[in-house]
């Protein structure tokens, strides 16, 4: 029905017009598809317009300098974990599903996935994924939807803008590397991590975007280490970070501190909740960093606007004690106490830190815990 190329092929004049789902798909299984300067549109009647999965088999697909648009489903899909896709210098736009939907290994370079009804990129399973020098914009869902993803995403020099959901909406188990990214005019201009807990090691790295936790806690247990690397900013609202057993470490530096603050705080990494000046941060916007049967090692940390449910930094998670070391850090504007020991078996050591402007106490020990708070500013 598409008369825009090689004329009126079905010889019906203007009686018919092309539409998404007019044809099915290009499927590959146990094969390699090399697609260069391809334009595919109006397919997707039975799923994604281009996909692996023929005879349930994986595929290696290279898509370069091409355009996939107006599919009734996803533009491109990897449904088999063993598939591997490289997309470069291409556009996945105006599709009724996700631009790219991948359970395989995916590299998206110098490309655009925009104006899709779903996400620009959906990630599943745990295979490596990379987005470099690409744009994910104006999608009807998130820029990246990784709610079921537990692999490592490399995100570098890319722009996420104008998406109806978050720039990235991710599973707590995902890992990140990269940098040089920007996010603007999304519902959330950051990496939103849904409330959940895991029993595995976790590292949050600075990729140029804040991590966002709302309406519930995220936690790591099972004796594993949870690391916030230098330059990481976590913005919270009605939420907290909980570590039970093992080690929680904030590894800030003088040039790149770790920051825990309110989602409403635009002073670091911009307007993350995308409301302009409509909201301002206040003490009690988020809950606490809680440790139980664990060690909290906090260096060059700035924590502010927490304390909704008790001290902003504390032991007591699961009723357990903690060893808390705070050095060269700032704890301020808690709605209650800044840092506290609530379990007699805990130990707290505070050195060379600024603890000011908290509503109740700067630091408190009323349970007989070992508590050393010398050489600080109050």
Protein backbone atom coordinates (compact mmCIF):
# COMPACT_ATOMS: atom_id res chain seq x y z
CA UNK A 1 0.00 0.00 0.00
CA UNK A 2 3.03 2.29 0.19
CA UNK A 3 2.98 4.39 -2.97
CA UNK A 4 5.88 6.60 -1.85
CA UNK A 5 8.47 4.29 -3.39
CA UNK A 6 8.17 2.87 -6.93
CA UNK A 7 4.58 4.04 -7.23
CA UNK A 8 1.15 2.40 -6.91
CA UNK A 9 2.20 -1.23 -6.78
CA UNK A 10 -1.21 -2.60 -5.79
CA UNK A 11 -2.87 -0.46 -8.48
CA UNK A 12 -5.64 0.95 -6.31
CA UNK A 13 -4.84 4.63 -6.55
CA UNK A 14 -5.38 6.28 -3.19
CA UNK A 15 -7.85 3.66 -1.96
CA UNK A 16 -5.34 2.13 0.46
CA UNK A 17 -2.69 3.69 2.67
CA UNK A 18 0.16 1.93 4.49
CA UNK A 19 -0.06 1.31 8.24
CA UNK A 20 2.01 -0.36 10.96
CA UNK A 21 1.43 -4.12 10.87
CA UNK A 22 0.83 -4.43 7.13
CA UNK A 23 3.48 -7.17 7.06
CA UNK A 24 5.08 -9.46 9.61
CA UNK A 25 8.84 -9.39 10.11
CA UNK A 26 12.32 -10.25 9.02
CA UNK A 27 13.37 -13.15 11.26
CA UNK A 28 16.72 -14.80 11.70
CA UNK A 29 17.61 -17.90 13.67
CA UNK A 30 20.98 -19.64 13.89
CA UNK A 31 22.14 -17.09 11.32
CA UNK A 32 23.80 -13.75 10.61
CA UNK A 33 21.88 -10.76 9.25
CA UNK A 34 24.01 -7.92 7.88
CA UNK A 35 21.75 -4.98 7.08
CA UNK A 36 23.30 -1.85 5.57
CA UNK A 37 21.37 1.21 4.36
CA UNK A 38 18.11 -0.57 4.94
CA UNK A 39 14.78 1.21 5.32
CA UNK A 40 12.09 -0.97 6.92
CA UNK A 41 8.64 0.34 7.81
CA UNK A 42 5.02 -0.68 8.35
CA UNK A 43 5.85 -4.22 9.52
CA UNK A 44 5.57 -5.87 12.92
CA UNK A 45 2.19 -7.57 12.55
CA UNK A 46 3.36 -10.60 14.54
CA UNK A 47 5.98 -8.95 16.79
CA UNK A 48 9.11 -6.92 16.18
CA UNK A 49 9.80 -5.84 12.63
CA UNK A 50 13.31 -7.33 12.68
CA UNK A 51 14.18 -10.08 15.15
CA UNK A 52 16.00 -13.24 15.99
CA UNK A 53 14.06 -16.28 17.16
CA UNK A 54 13.37 -18.14 13.91
CA UNK A 55 13.18 -21.80 14.99
CA UNK A 56 13.94 -20.45 18.50
CA UNK A 57 17.49 -19.71 17.43
CA UNK A 58 19.85 -16.81 18.19
CA UNK A 59 21.17 -14.44 15.57
CA UNK A 60 24.04 -12.05 14.97
CA UNK A 61 22.58 -8.87 13.53
CA UNK A 62 24.48 -5.82 12.32
CA UNK A 63 22.34 -2.83 11.41
CA UNK A 64 24.19 0.15 9.97
CA UNK A 65 23.12 3.44 8.38
CA UNK A 66 19.54 2.24 8.42
CA UNK A 67 16.05 3.33 9.52
CA UNK A 68 13.42 1.17 11.20
CA UNK A 69 10.11 2.98 11.65
CA UNK A 70 6.38 2.55 12.07
CA UNK A 71 6.45 -1.03 13.24
CA UNK A 72 3.33 -2.31 15.00
CA UNK A 73 5.69 -3.75 17.61
CA UNK A 74 9.34 -3.10 18.40
CA UNK A 75 11.58 -1.86 15.65
CA UNK A 76 14.33 -4.37 16.50
CA UNK A 77 14.25 -7.19 19.05
CA UNK A 78 16.68 -9.73 20.46
CA UNK A 79 14.49 -12.30 22.19
CA UNK A 80 17.15 -15.01 22.57
CA UNK A 81 19.83 -14.52 25.21
CA UNK A 82 22.55 -15.83 22.90
CA UNK A 83 21.93 -13.21 20.22
CA UNK A 84 24.35 -10.36 19.58
CA UNK A 85 23.38 -7.05 17.94
CA UNK A 86 25.41 -4.09 16.70
CA UNK A 87 23.42 -1.01 15.72
CA UNK A 88 25.37 1.95 14.37
CA UNK A 89 24.51 5.18 12.59
CA UNK A 90 20.86 4.15 12.50
CA UNK A 91 17.42 5.39 13.52
CA UNK A 92 14.71 3.43 15.32
CA UNK A 93 11.81 5.84 15.38
CA UNK A 94 8.02 6.07 15.55
CA UNK A 95 7.46 2.41 16.39
CA UNK A 96 4.42 1.24 18.34
CA UNK A 97 6.55 -0.83 20.73
CA UNK A 98 10.09 -0.24 21.98
CA UNK A 99 12.65 1.11 19.58
CA UNK A 100 15.02 -1.69 20.55
CA UNK A 101 14.06 -4.60 22.82
CA UNK A 102 16.98 -6.79 23.85
CA UNK A 103 17.58 -9.87 25.95
CA UNK A 104 20.84 -10.45 24.10
CA UNK A 105 24.14 -8.59 23.89
CA UNK A 106 23.57 -5.16 22.38
CA UNK A 107 25.75 -2.26 21.22
CA UNK A 108 24.03 0.95 20.14
CA UNK A 109 26.44 3.51 18.67
CA UNK A 110 25.96 6.89 17.01
CA UNK A 111 22.27 6.13 16.67
CA UNK A 112 18.84 7.41 17.68
CA UNK A 113 15.86 5.64 19.23
CA UNK A 114 13.11 8.21 19.55
CA UNK A 115 9.36 8.81 19.45
CA UNK A 116 8.58 5.16 20.10
CA UNK A 117 5.44 4.30 22.08
CA UNK A 118 7.47 2.14 24.45
CA UNK A 119 11.03 2.76 25.62
CA UNK A 120 13.90 3.85 23.46
CA UNK A 121 15.76 0.75 24.67
CA UNK A 122 14.45 -2.11 26.77
CA UNK A 123 17.00 -4.38 28.46
CA UNK A 124 16.34 -7.80 29.96
CA UNK A 125 18.45 -10.71 31.25
CA UNK A 126 22.08 -10.01 32.20
CA UNK A 127 24.06 -9.71 28.98
CA UNK A 128 26.38 -6.73 28.46
CA UNK A 129 24.84 -3.67 26.84
CA UNK A 130 26.43 -0.48 25.55
CA UNK A 131 24.97 2.85 24.44
CA UNK A 132 27.55 5.25 23.05
CA UNK A 133 27.10 8.67 21.44
CA UNK A 134 23.41 8.02 20.95
CA UNK A 135 20.10 9.79 21.55
CA UNK A 136 17.04 8.32 23.25
CA UNK A 137 14.37 11.00 23.16
CA UNK A 138 10.63 11.65 23.26
CA UNK A 139 9.70 8.03 23.88
CA UNK A 140 6.35 7.18 25.45
CA UNK A 141 8.00 5.28 28.30
CA UNK A 142 11.57 5.49 29.61
CA UNK A 143 14.69 6.29 27.67
CA UNK A 144 16.08 2.97 28.92
CA UNK A 145 13.79 0.44 30.60
CA UNK A 146 15.92 -2.03 32.52
CA UNK A 147 13.44 -3.14 35.15
CA UNK A 148 14.43 -6.78 34.62
CA UNK A 149 18.08 -6.18 33.76
CA UNK A 150 20.98 -7.37 35.92
CA UNK A 151 23.94 -6.96 33.59
CA UNK A 152 26.39 -4.10 33.14
CA UNK A 153 25.34 -1.14 31.01
CA UNK A 154 28.00 1.07 29.45
CA UNK A 155 26.44 4.49 28.93
CA UNK A 156 28.75 7.06 27.36
CA UNK A 157 28.37 10.47 25.73
CA UNK A 158 24.66 9.97 25.15
CA UNK A 159 21.59 12.19 25.47
CA UNK A 160 18.31 11.14 27.10
CA UNK A 161 15.63 13.78 26.78
CA UNK A 162 11.90 14.33 26.66
CA UNK A 163 10.94 10.77 27.59
CA UNK A 164 7.59 10.34 29.36
CA UNK A 165 9.20 8.18 32.03
CA UNK A 166 12.67 8.25 33.58
CA UNK A 167 15.84 8.77 31.61
CA UNK A 168 16.68 5.26 32.87
CA UNK A 169 14.43 3.00 34.95
CA UNK A 170 16.59 0.15 36.25
CA UNK A 171 16.73 -2.95 38.41
CA UNK A 172 18.80 -2.63 41.56
CA UNK A 173 21.08 -5.42 40.32
CA UNK A 174 22.32 -3.55 37.23
CA UNK A 175 25.84 -2.17 37.01
CA UNK A 176 27.11 0.89 35.15
CA UNK A 177 30.17 2.37 33.56
CA UNK A 178 30.82 5.28 31.23
CA UNK A 179 30.27 9.02 31.50
CA UNK A 180 29.64 12.22 29.58
CA UNK A 181 25.87 11.73 29.51
CA UNK A 182 23.03 14.26 29.79
CA UNK A 183 19.36 14.00 30.76
CA UNK A 184 16.72 16.73 30.46
CA UNK A 185 12.94 17.08 30.25
CA UNK A 186 12.29 13.47 31.28
CA UNK A 187 9.86 12.68 34.10
CA UNK A 188 13.00 11.82 36.10
CA UNK A 189 16.35 13.06 34.84
CA UNK A 190 18.45 10.27 36.25
CA UNK A 191 18.86 6.54 36.85
CA UNK A 192 15.76 5.53 38.81
CA UNK A 193 16.23 2.37 40.86
CA UNK A 194 13.03 0.75 42.07
CA UNK A 195 12.71 -0.18 45.77
CA UNK A 196 14.10 -3.66 46.27
CA UNK A 197 16.90 -5.60 47.92
CA UNK A 198 19.49 -8.05 46.62
CA UNK A 199 22.06 -10.45 48.05
CA UNK A 200 24.95 -9.71 45.73
CA UNK A 201 27.81 -7.24 45.49
CA UNK A 202 26.79 -3.88 44.05
CA UNK A 203 28.78 -0.89 42.79
CA UNK A 204 27.27 2.42 41.72
CA UNK A 205 29.64 4.39 39.49
CA UNK A 206 29.51 8.00 38.39
CA UNK A 207 28.22 8.13 34.81
CA UNK A 208 27.23 11.80 34.97
CA UNK A 209 23.63 11.20 36.07
CA UNK A 210 22.15 10.94 39.58
CA UNK A 211 20.77 7.71 40.97
CA UNK A 212 17.16 8.16 42.14
CA UNK A 213 15.30 6.15 44.78
CA UNK A 214 11.66 6.98 45.60
CA UNK A 215 8.94 5.60 47.85
CA UNK A 216 10.78 2.69 49.44
CA UNK A 217 14.20 1.44 50.42
CA UNK A 218 16.91 -0.22 48.40
CA UNK A 219 19.18 -2.66 50.18
CA UNK A 220 22.06 -5.09 49.88
CA UNK A 221 22.48 -8.08 52.20
CA UNK A 222 24.10 -11.47 52.33
CA UNK A 223 27.52 -10.26 53.48
CA UNK A 224 28.18 -8.52 50.15
CA UNK A 225 29.82 -5.14 49.58
CA UNK A 226 27.87 -2.11 48.35
CA UNK A 227 30.12 0.65 46.99
CA UNK A 228 29.28 4.22 45.98
CA UNK A 229 32.28 5.40 43.99
CA UNK A 230 33.68 8.94 43.87
CA UNK A 231 31.34 11.48 42.30
CA UNK A 232 28.16 9.43 42.75
CA UNK A 233 25.04 11.42 43.66
CA UNK A 234 21.98 9.62 45.03
CA UNK A 235 18.74 11.60 45.24
CA UNK A 236 15.99 10.18 47.45
CA UNK A 237 12.38 10.89 48.33
CA UNK A 238 10.50 8.92 51.00
CA UNK A 239 13.23 6.32 50.68
CA UNK A 240 16.46 5.08 52.22
CA UNK A 241 19.55 2.91 51.77
CA UNK A 242 19.77 -0.22 53.93
CA UNK A 243 22.84 -2.46 54.38
CA UNK A 244 22.61 -5.67 56.38
CA UNK A 245 25.85 -7.62 56.91
CA UNK A 246 28.99 -6.99 54.88
CA UNK A 247 30.34 -3.56 53.96
CA UNK A 248 28.75 -0.31 52.75
CA UNK A 249 31.33 2.18 51.53
CA UNK A 250 31.11 5.71 50.18
CA UNK A 251 34.44 6.36 48.47
CA UNK A 252 34.32 10.07 47.81
CA UNK A 253 37.29 12.32 47.13
CA UNK A 254 37.87 16.02 47.75
CA UNK A 255 37.21 16.77 44.07
CA UNK A 256 34.37 14.27 43.71
CA UNK A 257 32.45 13.64 46.96
CA UNK A 258 29.61 11.17 47.27
CA UNK A 259 26.34 13.06 47.77
CA UNK A 260 23.11 11.79 49.36
CA UNK A 261 20.38 14.37 49.08
CA UNK A 262 16.74 15.10 48.32
CA UNK A 263 15.18 14.45 44.92
CA UNK A 264 14.09 18.09 45.13
CA UNK A 265 17.67 19.36 45.43
CA UNK A 266 18.58 21.06 42.14
CA UNK A 267 21.96 22.30 43.39
CA UNK A 268 23.74 19.10 42.33
CA UNK A 269 23.27 17.58 38.87
CA UNK A 270 20.33 19.85 38.13
CA UNK A 271 16.55 19.51 38.16
CA UNK A 272 16.23 15.76 38.53
CA UNK A 273 12.48 15.74 39.25
CA UNK A 274 11.91 18.04 36.26
CA UNK A 275 9.63 20.52 38.02
CA UNK A 276 11.66 23.68 37.68
CA UNK A 277 11.46 25.70 40.87
CA UNK A 278 8.14 24.19 41.99
CA UNK A 279 9.73 22.11 44.77
CA UNK A 280 12.56 22.88 47.17
CA UNK A 281 14.47 20.44 49.40
CA UNK A 282 13.74 20.24 53.12
CA UNK A 283 14.84 18.16 56.12
CA UNK A 284 12.96 14.86 56.15
CA UNK A 285 12.61 14.48 52.38
CA UNK A 286 14.21 11.04 52.68
CA UNK A 287 14.78 8.48 55.38
CA UNK A 288 18.25 7.25 56.29
CA UNK A 289 21.36 5.24 55.61
CA UNK A 290 20.91 2.27 57.93
CA UNK A 291 23.37 -0.49 58.73
CA UNK A 292 22.82 -3.65 60.72
CA UNK A 293 25.39 -6.38 61.47
CA UNK A 294 27.61 -4.42 59.09
CA UNK A 295 30.28 -1.77 58.56
CA UNK A 296 29.55 1.67 57.14
CA UNK A 297 32.75 3.28 55.83
CA UNK A 298 31.92 6.83 54.74
CA UNK A 299 34.65 9.05 53.29
CA UNK A 300 34.11 12.48 51.70
CA UNK A 301 30.34 12.03 51.96
CA UNK A 302 27.80 14.85 51.93
CA UNK A 303 24.42 13.83 53.39
CA UNK A 304 21.58 16.34 53.71
CA UNK A 305 17.77 16.64 53.90
CA UNK A 306 17.18 13.13 55.30
CA UNK A 307 16.05 11.94 58.71
CA UNK A 308 12.34 11.41 58.03
CA UNK A 309 12.18 8.20 60.08
CA UNK A 310 15.02 8.72 62.55
CA UNK A 311 18.72 9.61 62.44
CA UNK A 312 20.00 10.24 58.93
CA UNK A 313 22.96 7.85 59.41
CA UNK A 314 22.53 5.05 61.92
CA UNK A 315 22.88 1.45 62.93
CA UNK A 316 19.83 -0.65 63.80
CA UNK A 317 18.85 -2.21 60.48
CA UNK A 318 17.26 -5.53 61.37
CA UNK A 319 17.95 -4.75 65.01
CA UNK A 320 21.67 -5.14 64.41
CA UNK A 321 24.76 -3.23 65.50
CA UNK A 322 27.18 -1.51 63.11
CA UNK A 323 30.68 -0.11 62.94
CA UNK A 324 30.32 3.39 61.46
CA UNK A 325 33.33 5.42 60.34
CA UNK A 326 32.69 8.93 59.01
CA UNK A 327 35.65 10.97 57.81
CA UNK A 328 36.10 14.31 56.01
CA UNK A 329 32.36 14.46 55.45
CA UNK A 330 29.35 16.75 55.88
CA UNK A 331 26.13 15.77 57.66
CA UNK A 332 23.52 18.51 57.76
CA UNK A 333 19.84 19.40 57.69
CA UNK A 334 18.49 16.12 59.02
CA UNK A 335 14.91 16.33 60.29
CA UNK A 336 16.11 14.54 63.43
CA UNK A 337 19.68 13.61 64.41
CA UNK A 338 22.52 13.62 61.92
CA UNK A 339 24.35 10.45 62.98
CA UNK A 340 23.54 8.12 65.88
CA UNK A 341 24.22 4.83 67.62
CA UNK A 342 21.05 3.02 68.70
CA UNK A 343 22.60 -0.36 69.57
CA UNK A 344 24.93 -0.82 72.55
CA UNK A 345 27.27 -3.12 70.61
CA UNK A 346 27.86 -0.53 67.85
CA UNK A 347 30.95 1.63 67.40
CA UNK A 348 31.00 5.10 65.82
CA UNK A 349 34.09 7.08 64.82
CA UNK A 350 33.71 10.60 63.38
CA UNK A 351 36.77 12.56 62.23
CA UNK A 352 37.38 15.88 60.43
CA UNK A 353 33.71 16.29 59.55
CA UNK A 354 31.19 19.12 59.48
CA UNK A 355 27.96 18.32 61.34
CA UNK A 356 25.62 21.31 61.35
CA UNK A 357 22.02 22.41 60.98
CA UNK A 358 20.35 19.19 62.10
CA UNK A 359 16.98 19.67 63.76
CA UNK A 360 17.62 17.60 66.91
CA UNK A 361 21.22 16.46 67.59
CA UNK A 362 24.27 16.56 65.38
CA UNK A 363 25.39 13.19 66.77
CA UNK A 364 23.90 11.08 69.54
CA UNK A 365 24.93 8.12 71.64
CA UNK A 366 22.45 7.23 74.38
CA UNK A 367 23.00 3.46 74.47
CA UNK A 368 26.57 3.22 75.72
CA UNK A 369 28.10 2.37 72.34
CA UNK A 370 31.78 3.09 71.65
CA UNK A 371 31.58 6.62 70.28
CA UNK A 372 34.54 8.81 69.27
CA UNK A 373 33.69 12.22 67.79
CA UNK A 374 36.88 14.25 68.12
CA UNK A 375 38.33 16.81 65.67
CA UNK A 376 35.05 17.85 64.03
CA UNK A 377 33.13 21.09 63.39
CA UNK A 378 29.73 21.46 65.00
